[in-house]
C-alpha atoms as a PDB file:
ATOM      1  CA  MET A   1       0.000   0.000   0.000  1.00  0.00           C
ATOM      2  CA  ASP A   2       1.479   3.311  -1.059  1.00  0.00           C
ATOM      3  CA  GLN A   3      -0.401   5.563   1.329  1.00  0.00           C
ATOM      4  CA  ILE A   4      -3.079   5.572   3.982  1.00  0.00           C
ATOM      5  CA  ILE A   5      -6.143   7.710   3.330  1.00  0.00           C
ATOM      6  CA  ASN A   6      -7.978   9.363   6.200  1.00  0.00           C
ATOM      7  CA  LEU A   7     -11.646  10.122   5.619  1.00  0.00           C
ATOM      8  CA  ASP A   8     -13.885  12.499   7.499  1.00  0.00           C
ATOM      9  CA  SER A   9     -17.249  11.233   8.726  1.00  0.00           C
ATOM     10  CA  ARG A  10     -19.118  12.504   5.651  1.00  0.00           C
ATOM     11  CA  GLN A  11     -16.697  10.780   3.274  1.00  0.00           C
ATOM     12  CA  GLU A  12     -16.813   7.602   5.365  1.00  0.00           C
ATOM     13  CA  ALA A  13     -20.627   7.545   5.207  1.00  0.00           C
ATOM     14  CA  ALA A  14     -20.591   8.055   1.429  1.00  0.00           C
ATOM     15  CA  LEU A  15     -18.002   5.291   0.989  1.00  0.00           C
ATOM     16  CA  GLN A  16     -20.048   2.948   3.196  1.00  0.00           C
ATOM     17  CA  LYS A  17     -23.141   3.588   1.065  1.00  0.00           C
ATOM     18  CA  VAL A  18     -21.274   2.746  -2.148  1.00  0.00           C
ATOM     19  CA  ALA A  19     -19.696  -0.328  -0.556  1.00  0.00           C
ATOM     20  CA  ASP A  20     -23.087  -1.564   0.627  1.00  0.00           C
ATOM     21  CA  ARG A  21     -24.479  -1.202  -2.905  1.00  0.00           C
ATOM     22  CA  PHE A  22     -21.486  -3.006  -4.404  1.00  0.00           C
ATOM     23  CA  VAL A  23     -21.859  -5.912  -1.987  1.00  0.00           C
ATOM     24  CA  ALA A  24     -25.605  -6.004  -2.716  1.00  0.00           C
ATOM     25  CA  LEU A  25     -24.793  -6.366  -6.439  1.00  0.00           C
ATOM     26  CA  HIS A  26     -22.942  -9.536  -5.452  1.00  0.00           C
ATOM     27  CA  LYS A  27     -25.948 -10.858  -3.509  1.00  0.00           C
ATOM     28  CA  GLY A  28     -24.313 -10.124  -0.150  1.00  0.00           C
ATOM     29  CA  ASP A  29     -21.137 -12.089  -0.899  1.00  0.00           C
ATOM     30  CA  THR A  30     -18.497  -9.723   0.503  1.00  0.00           C
ATOM     31  CA  MET A  31     -15.556 -11.898  -0.560  1.00  0.00           C
ATOM     32  CA  LYS A  32     -16.783 -12.007  -4.164  1.00  0.00           C
ATOM     33  CA  ALA A  33     -17.292  -8.219  -4.102  1.00  0.00           C
ATOM     34  CA  LEU A  34     -13.807  -7.677  -2.663  1.00  0.00           C
ATOM     35  CA  LYS A  35     -12.205  -9.901  -5.295  1.00  0.00           C
ATOM     36  CA  GLU A  36     -13.989  -8.071  -8.109  1.00  0.00           C
ATOM     37  CA  MET A  37     -12.933  -4.696  -6.679  1.00  0.00           C
ATOM     38  CA  ILE A  38      -9.303  -5.871  -6.555  1.00  0.00           C
ATOM     39  CA  VAL A  39      -9.514  -6.954 -10.209  1.00  0.00           C
ATOM     40  CA  LEU A  40     -11.154  -3.661 -11.239  1.00  0.00           C
ATOM     41  CA  ASN A  41      -8.503  -1.659  -9.391  1.00  0.00           C
ATOM     42  CA  GLY A  42      -5.797  -3.692 -11.120  1.00  0.00           C
ATOM     43  CA  HIS A  43      -7.282  -2.858 -14.528  1.00  0.00           C
ATOM     44  CA  LEU A  44      -7.440   0.837 -13.629  1.00  0.00           C
ATOM     45  CA  GLN A  45      -3.839   0.797 -12.399  1.00  0.00           C
ATOM     46  CA  ASP A  46      -2.726  -0.824 -15.663  1.00  0.00           C
ATOM     47  CA  GLN A  47      -4.452   1.954 -17.618  1.00  0.00           C
ATOM     48  CA  ILE A  48      -2.863   4.657 -15.447  1.00  0.00           C
ATOM     49  CA  ASP A  49       0.578   3.089 -15.891  1.00  0.00           C
ATOM     50  CA  ALA A  50       0.102   2.920 -19.686  1.00  0.00           C
ATOM     51  CA  LEU A  51      -0.885   6.602 -19.792  1.00  0.00           C
ATOM     52  CA  LYS A  52       2.166   7.539 -17.729  1.00  0.00           C
ATOM     53  CA  ARG A  53       4.440   5.574 -20.077  1.00  0.00           C
ATOM     54  CA  ARG A  54       2.951   7.388 -23.090  1.00  0.00           C
ATOM     55  CA  GLN A  55       3.483  10.766 -21.425  1.00  0.00           C
ATOM     56  CA  ASN A  56       7.120   9.945 -20.677  1.00  0.00           C
ATOM     57  CA  GLN A  57       7.934   8.979 -24.287  1.00  0.00           C
END
């Protein structure tokens, strides 16, 4: 983990609401939701890295 993010109570509540919806999309299976989020974040990181490489060329 590169950095730790601190959220205020409003941000925490908003994040909790989104997380609850995401888990609900996976029929309450939190492990399945977590695994999908890890995969999605990996895809996003790959895209960010590719954009950075293009900018540095």
